N, C-alpha and C. Protein backbone atom coordinates (compact mmCIF):
# COMPACT_ATOMS: atom_id res chain seq x y z
N MET A 1 -31.69 5.35 -17.57
CA MET A 1 -29.98 5.60 -17.78
C MET A 1 -29.46 4.62 -18.87
N THR A 2 -28.58 5.12 -19.70
CA THR A 2 -27.84 4.12 -20.60
C THR A 2 -27.04 3.26 -19.58
N PRO A 3 -26.86 1.99 -20.01
CA PRO A 3 -25.87 1.06 -19.50
C PRO A 3 -24.45 1.53 -19.48
N VAL A 4 -23.70 1.23 -18.30
CA VAL A 4 -22.64 1.75 -18.18
C VAL A 4 -21.37 0.34 -18.50
N ILE A 5 -20.72 0.82 -19.42
CA ILE A 5 -19.75 -0.23 -19.92
C ILE A 5 -18.45 -0.14 -18.94
N LYS A 6 -18.09 -1.31 -18.23
CA LYS A 6 -17.04 -1.23 -17.29
C LYS A 6 -15.71 -2.01 -17.89
N THR A 7 -14.42 -1.38 -18.05
CA THR A 7 -13.54 -2.02 -18.47
C THR A 7 -12.35 -2.03 -17.56
N TRP A 8 -11.79 -3.16 -17.14
CA TRP A 8 -10.72 -3.32 -16.13
C TRP A 8 -9.29 -3.35 -17.24
N SER A 9 -8.33 -2.87 -16.62
CA SER A 9 -7.07 -3.16 -17.23
C SER A 9 -5.86 -2.88 -16.10
N VAL A 10 -4.68 -3.66 -16.50
CA VAL A 10 -3.53 -3.80 -15.75
C VAL A 10 -2.60 -2.70 -16.32
N ASN A 11 -2.19 -1.75 -15.52
CA ASN A 11 -1.14 -0.88 -16.36
C ASN A 11 0.36 -1.14 -16.01
N GLN A 12 0.37 -1.90 -14.84
CA GLN A 12 1.84 -2.31 -14.73
C GLN A 12 1.94 -3.50 -13.69
N LEU A 13 2.95 -4.13 -13.88
CA LEU A 13 3.27 -5.31 -12.89
C LEU A 13 4.79 -5.09 -12.30
N THR A 14 4.82 -4.81 -11.22
CA THR A 14 6.11 -4.74 -10.57
C THR A 14 6.60 -6.22 -10.17
N CYS A 15 7.94 -6.71 -10.39
CA CYS A 15 8.30 -8.04 -10.18
C CYS A 15 9.58 -8.00 -9.33
N TYR A 16 9.83 -9.08 -8.80
CA TYR A 16 11.13 -9.64 -8.18
C TYR A 16 11.71 -10.07 -9.17
N PRO A 17 13.17 -9.81 -9.36
CA PRO A 17 13.84 -10.40 -10.40
C PRO A 17 14.17 -12.00 -10.35
N GLN A 18 14.20 -12.18 -8.88
CA GLN A 18 14.22 -13.73 -8.70
C GLN A 18 13.27 -14.00 -7.26
N ALA A 19 12.47 -15.02 -7.34
CA ALA A 19 11.85 -15.33 -6.25
C ALA A 19 11.29 -16.62 -6.23
N GLU A 20 11.26 -17.32 -5.21
CA GLU A 20 10.60 -18.81 -5.11
C GLU A 20 11.15 -19.62 -6.24
N GLY A 21 12.44 -19.36 -6.56
CA GLY A 21 12.94 -20.29 -7.61
C GLY A 21 12.40 -19.98 -9.04
N GLN A 22 11.94 -18.85 -9.20
CA GLN A 22 11.48 -18.28 -10.52
C GLN A 22 12.04 -16.95 -10.90
N THR A 23 12.07 -16.75 -12.17
CA THR A 23 12.50 -15.27 -12.53
C THR A 23 11.15 -14.27 -12.83
N ASP A 24 11.54 -13.13 -12.76
CA ASP A 24 10.68 -12.11 -12.75
C ASP A 24 9.04 -12.33 -12.34
N VAL A 25 9.10 -12.61 -11.18
CA VAL A 25 7.91 -12.86 -10.31
C VAL A 25 7.12 -11.63 -9.95
N ALA A 26 5.95 -11.34 -10.62
CA ALA A 26 5.06 -10.21 -10.33
C ALA A 26 4.80 -10.27 -8.90
N PHE A 27 4.59 -9.24 -8.08
CA PHE A 27 4.22 -9.29 -6.83
C PHE A 27 3.44 -8.01 -6.67
N GLN A 28 3.17 -7.17 -7.57
CA GLN A 28 2.20 -6.03 -7.22
C GLN A 28 1.53 -5.80 -8.78
N ALA A 29 0.23 -5.11 -8.68
CA ALA A 29 -0.35 -4.79 -10.04
C ALA A 29 -0.91 -3.63 -9.96
N ALA A 30 -0.77 -2.60 -10.71
CA ALA A 30 -1.44 -1.40 -10.82
C ALA A 30 -2.57 -1.40 -12.05
N TRP A 31 -3.77 -1.11 -11.50
CA TRP A 31 -4.78 -1.56 -12.42
C TRP A 31 -5.84 -0.39 -12.29
N THR A 32 -6.72 -0.11 -13.28
CA THR A 32 -7.53 0.80 -13.61
C THR A 32 -8.78 0.17 -14.02
N ILE A 33 -9.94 0.68 -13.42
CA ILE A 33 -11.44 0.31 -14.07
C ILE A 33 -11.94 1.85 -14.66
N THR A 34 -12.43 1.60 -15.69
CA THR A 34 -13.14 2.68 -16.37
C THR A 34 -14.55 2.34 -16.71
N GLY A 35 -15.39 3.33 -16.73
CA GLY A 35 -16.92 3.05 -17.10
C GLY A 35 -17.22 4.18 -18.02
N THR A 36 -18.19 3.81 -19.05
CA THR A 36 -18.62 4.89 -19.95
C THR A 36 -20.19 4.55 -20.12
N ASP A 37 -20.94 5.46 -20.24
CA ASP A 37 -22.21 5.27 -21.05
C ASP A 37 -22.30 5.83 -22.29
N GLY A 38 -21.03 5.93 -22.94
CA GLY A 38 -20.94 6.71 -24.34
C GLY A 38 -20.86 8.20 -24.37
N THR A 39 -21.44 8.76 -23.22
CA THR A 39 -21.22 10.23 -22.98
C THR A 39 -20.35 10.83 -22.01
N TYR A 40 -20.56 10.27 -20.85
CA TYR A 40 -19.93 10.32 -19.56
C TYR A 40 -18.97 9.23 -19.19
N SER A 41 -17.93 9.56 -18.46
CA SER A 41 -17.07 8.56 -18.10
C SER A 41 -16.43 8.68 -16.70
N ALA A 42 -15.98 7.62 -16.04
CA ALA A 42 -15.72 7.52 -14.64
C ALA A 42 -14.24 6.64 -14.64
N SER A 43 -13.69 6.82 -13.55
CA SER A 43 -12.49 5.63 -13.70
C SER A 43 -12.04 5.83 -12.04
N ALA A 44 -11.21 4.60 -11.84
CA ALA A 44 -10.63 4.50 -10.56
C ALA A 44 -9.25 3.70 -10.79
N TYR A 45 -8.31 3.96 -10.04
CA TYR A 45 -7.02 3.42 -10.09
C TYR A 45 -6.52 2.92 -8.83
N ASN A 46 -5.79 1.92 -8.76
CA ASN A 46 -5.17 1.49 -7.36
C ASN A 46 -4.26 0.40 -7.55
N VAL A 47 -3.49 -0.07 -6.84
CA VAL A 47 -2.60 -1.29 -6.77
C VAL A 47 -3.03 -2.13 -5.76
N VAL A 48 -2.54 -3.49 -6.08
CA VAL A 48 -2.81 -4.64 -5.14
C VAL A 48 -1.70 -5.61 -5.29
N PRO A 49 -1.41 -6.12 -4.06
CA PRO A 49 -0.52 -7.19 -3.99
C PRO A 49 -0.79 -8.37 -4.68
N LEU A 50 0.26 -9.10 -5.34
CA LEU A 50 0.12 -10.48 -6.00
C LEU A 50 0.97 -11.42 -5.06
N VAL A 51 0.64 -12.54 -4.83
CA VAL A 51 1.32 -13.56 -4.06
C VAL A 51 1.40 -14.61 -4.92
N TYR A 52 2.91 -15.11 -5.17
CA TYR A 52 3.10 -16.30 -5.75
C TYR A 52 3.68 -17.35 -4.52
N THR A 53 3.27 -18.55 -4.54
CA THR A 53 3.67 -19.45 -3.80
C THR A 53 4.74 -20.45 -4.49
N ALA A 54 5.78 -20.87 -4.00
CA ALA A 54 6.58 -21.92 -4.71
C ALA A 54 5.82 -23.33 -4.84
N GLY A 55 5.64 -23.67 -6.07
CA GLY A 55 5.04 -24.98 -6.27
C GLY A 55 3.78 -24.80 -7.03
N SER A 56 3.33 -23.61 -6.78
CA SER A 56 2.07 -23.46 -7.49
C SER A 56 2.24 -23.18 -9.22
N PRO A 57 1.24 -23.24 -9.89
CA PRO A 57 1.56 -22.89 -11.21
C PRO A 57 2.09 -21.58 -11.42
N TYR A 58 3.08 -21.68 -12.52
CA TYR A 58 3.75 -20.14 -12.57
C TYR A 58 3.52 -20.01 -14.13
N THR A 59 3.28 -18.71 -14.42
CA THR A 59 3.46 -18.22 -15.93
C THR A 59 4.69 -17.29 -16.09
N PRO A 60 5.48 -17.63 -16.95
CA PRO A 60 6.85 -16.81 -17.26
C PRO A 60 6.25 -15.36 -17.61
N TYR A 61 6.80 -14.29 -17.22
CA TYR A 61 6.65 -13.05 -17.39
C TYR A 61 5.94 -12.68 -18.91
N ALA A 62 6.83 -13.07 -19.80
CA ALA A 62 6.41 -12.96 -21.17
C ALA A 62 5.23 -13.45 -21.60
N ASP A 63 4.84 -14.56 -20.93
CA ASP A 63 3.67 -15.08 -21.23
C ASP A 63 2.26 -14.84 -20.46
N ILE A 64 2.31 -13.87 -19.64
CA ILE A 64 1.31 -13.20 -18.77
C ILE A 64 0.47 -12.56 -20.05
N THR A 65 -0.79 -12.79 -19.85
CA THR A 65 -1.86 -12.01 -20.77
C THR A 65 -2.48 -11.20 -20.08
N SER A 66 -3.10 -10.05 -20.66
CA SER A 66 -3.90 -8.93 -19.82
C SER A 66 -4.94 -9.71 -19.08
N GLU A 67 -5.84 -10.56 -19.81
CA GLU A 67 -6.91 -11.26 -18.83
C GLU A 67 -6.47 -12.15 -17.82
N GLN A 68 -5.18 -12.75 -17.87
CA GLN A 68 -4.73 -13.31 -16.83
C GLN A 68 -4.46 -12.18 -15.56
N ALA A 69 -3.70 -11.21 -16.01
CA ALA A 69 -3.31 -10.14 -15.05
C ALA A 69 -4.56 -9.72 -14.13
N ILE A 70 -5.76 -9.17 -15.07
CA ILE A 70 -6.96 -8.56 -14.62
C ILE A 70 -7.72 -9.85 -13.55
N GLY A 71 -7.55 -11.08 -14.02
CA GLY A 71 -7.97 -12.09 -13.12
C GLY A 71 -7.21 -12.06 -11.77
N TRP A 72 -6.03 -11.88 -11.86
CA TRP A 72 -5.17 -11.94 -10.51
C TRP A 72 -5.60 -10.56 -9.69
N VAL A 73 -6.04 -9.51 -10.37
CA VAL A 73 -6.39 -8.33 -9.54
C VAL A 73 -7.58 -8.58 -8.94
N LYS A 74 -8.67 -9.05 -9.71
CA LYS A 74 -10.03 -9.19 -9.32
C LYS A 74 -9.74 -10.31 -8.07
N GLY A 75 -9.13 -11.23 -8.28
CA GLY A 75 -8.99 -12.28 -7.35
C GLY A 75 -8.43 -11.78 -6.19
N ALA A 76 -7.24 -10.82 -6.21
CA ALA A 76 -6.73 -10.15 -4.99
C ALA A 76 -7.69 -9.23 -4.27
N LEU A 77 -8.61 -8.42 -5.05
CA LEU A 77 -9.67 -7.62 -4.57
C LEU A 77 -10.65 -8.49 -3.78
N GLY A 78 -11.15 -9.47 -4.34
CA GLY A 78 -12.27 -10.23 -3.83
C GLY A 78 -13.52 -9.55 -4.62
N ALA A 79 -14.47 -10.49 -4.65
CA ALA A 79 -15.91 -10.27 -5.26
C ALA A 79 -16.53 -9.09 -4.69
N ASP A 80 -16.42 -8.79 -3.25
CA ASP A 80 -17.19 -7.77 -2.84
C ASP A 80 -16.37 -6.29 -3.42
N LEU A 81 -15.21 -6.39 -3.21
CA LEU A 81 -14.70 -4.88 -3.83
C LEU A 81 -14.61 -4.89 -5.24
N VAL A 82 -14.75 -5.80 -5.98
CA VAL A 82 -14.89 -5.81 -7.58
C VAL A 82 -16.19 -5.20 -7.76
N ALA A 83 -17.30 -5.71 -7.07
CA ALA A 83 -18.61 -5.32 -7.20
C ALA A 83 -18.84 -3.87 -6.82
N ALA A 84 -17.86 -3.47 -5.73
CA ALA A 84 -17.95 -2.03 -5.24
C ALA A 84 -17.49 -1.13 -6.29
N TYR A 85 -16.40 -1.54 -6.69
CA TYR A 85 -15.77 -0.82 -7.72
C TYR A 85 -16.59 -0.28 -9.21
N GLU A 86 -17.29 -1.49 -9.35
CA GLU A 86 -18.04 -1.50 -10.51
C GLU A 86 -19.27 -0.65 -10.36
N ALA A 87 -19.99 -0.64 -9.03
CA ALA A 87 -20.99 -0.03 -8.91
C ALA A 87 -20.66 1.53 -8.72
N SER A 88 -19.44 1.96 -7.95
CA SER A 88 -18.87 3.28 -8.28
C SER A 88 -18.90 3.83 -9.49
N MET A 89 -18.60 3.04 -10.49
CA MET A 89 -18.61 3.59 -12.09
C MET A 89 -20.19 4.14 -12.21
N ASP A 90 -21.07 3.20 -12.00
CA ASP A 90 -22.44 3.65 -12.22
C ASP A 90 -22.72 4.95 -11.47
N SER A 91 -22.30 5.07 -10.20
CA SER A 91 -22.59 6.36 -9.13
C SER A 91 -21.97 7.37 -9.83
N GLN A 92 -20.90 7.20 -10.25
CA GLN A 92 -19.94 8.57 -10.67
C GLN A 92 -20.61 9.03 -11.91
N ILE A 93 -21.06 8.02 -12.62
CA ILE A 93 -21.69 8.49 -14.08
C ILE A 93 -23.19 9.12 -13.74
N GLU A 94 -23.83 8.53 -12.84
CA GLU A 94 -25.15 8.98 -12.53
C GLU A 94 -24.95 10.36 -12.02
N ALA A 95 -23.88 10.85 -11.12
CA ALA A 95 -23.68 12.00 -10.59
C ALA A 95 -23.39 13.13 -11.70
N GLN A 96 -22.84 12.81 -12.95
CA GLN A 96 -22.54 13.53 -13.98
C GLN A 96 -23.91 13.89 -14.74
N VAL A 97 -24.54 12.96 -14.88
CA VAL A 97 -26.11 12.96 -15.68
C VAL A 97 -26.80 13.77 -14.82
N ASN A 98 -26.92 13.60 -13.54
CA ASN A 98 -28.01 14.15 -12.56
C ASN A 98 -27.12 14.88 -11.30
N PRO A 99 -26.35 16.13 -11.54
CA PRO A 99 -25.54 16.58 -10.72
C PRO A 99 -26.36 16.93 -9.39
N THR A 100 -25.84 16.75 -8.18
CA THR A 100 -26.42 17.18 -7.11
C THR A 100 -25.62 18.60 -6.57
N GLN A 101 -24.56 18.83 -7.11
CA GLN A 101 -23.79 20.10 -6.92
C GLN A 101 -23.52 20.59 -8.30
N VAL A 102 -23.20 21.92 -8.19
CA VAL A 102 -22.55 22.56 -9.50
C VAL A 102 -21.54 23.80 -8.96
N VAL A 103 -20.78 24.22 -9.79
CA VAL A 103 -19.93 25.21 -9.37
C VAL A 103 -20.34 26.22 -10.50
N LEU A 104 -20.94 27.47 -9.92
CA LEU A 104 -21.35 28.54 -10.87
C LEU A 104 -20.18 29.70 -10.82
N PRO A 105 -20.27 30.31 -11.85
CA PRO A 105 -19.27 31.50 -12.03
C PRO A 105 -19.65 32.39 -11.01
N LEU A 106 -18.83 33.19 -10.33
CA LEU A 106 -19.12 34.31 -9.30
C LEU A 106 -19.93 35.28 -9.87
N PRO A 107 -21.00 35.76 -9.20
CA PRO A 107 -21.76 36.64 -9.73
C PRO A 107 -21.25 38.10 -9.98
N TRP A 108 -20.17 38.45 -9.38
CA TRP A 108 -19.65 39.84 -9.60
C TRP A 108 -18.63 39.76 -10.67
N SER A 109 -18.33 38.47 -11.28
CA SER A 109 -17.40 38.31 -12.18
C SER A 109 -17.91 38.50 -13.79
N ALA A 110 -19.33 38.68 -13.86
CA ALA A 110 -19.87 38.60 -15.23
C ALA A 110 -19.67 39.98 -15.76
């Protein structure tokens, strides 16, 4: 099987206008993981809560990078869920390459 390339992205950050003495504090991230082997593709989408604690390092909203937001998502999910989502991309594509179920046209429709 061709290796599956997995790509994480953050599609939206929901923010509190003011929280813990800071402005535009992200508290939720909507994310997507996609996988492709060049022919087939798979994806998953979800949201995770983000927690900012007063006194911890703070990145102003305008300075948040995609890589940083993806790191927050993966940190919120934890290593086991990250691995499970990535394995799911492999499984979904394997099911497309070697389907165990198919939908055929109705025999009387031909």
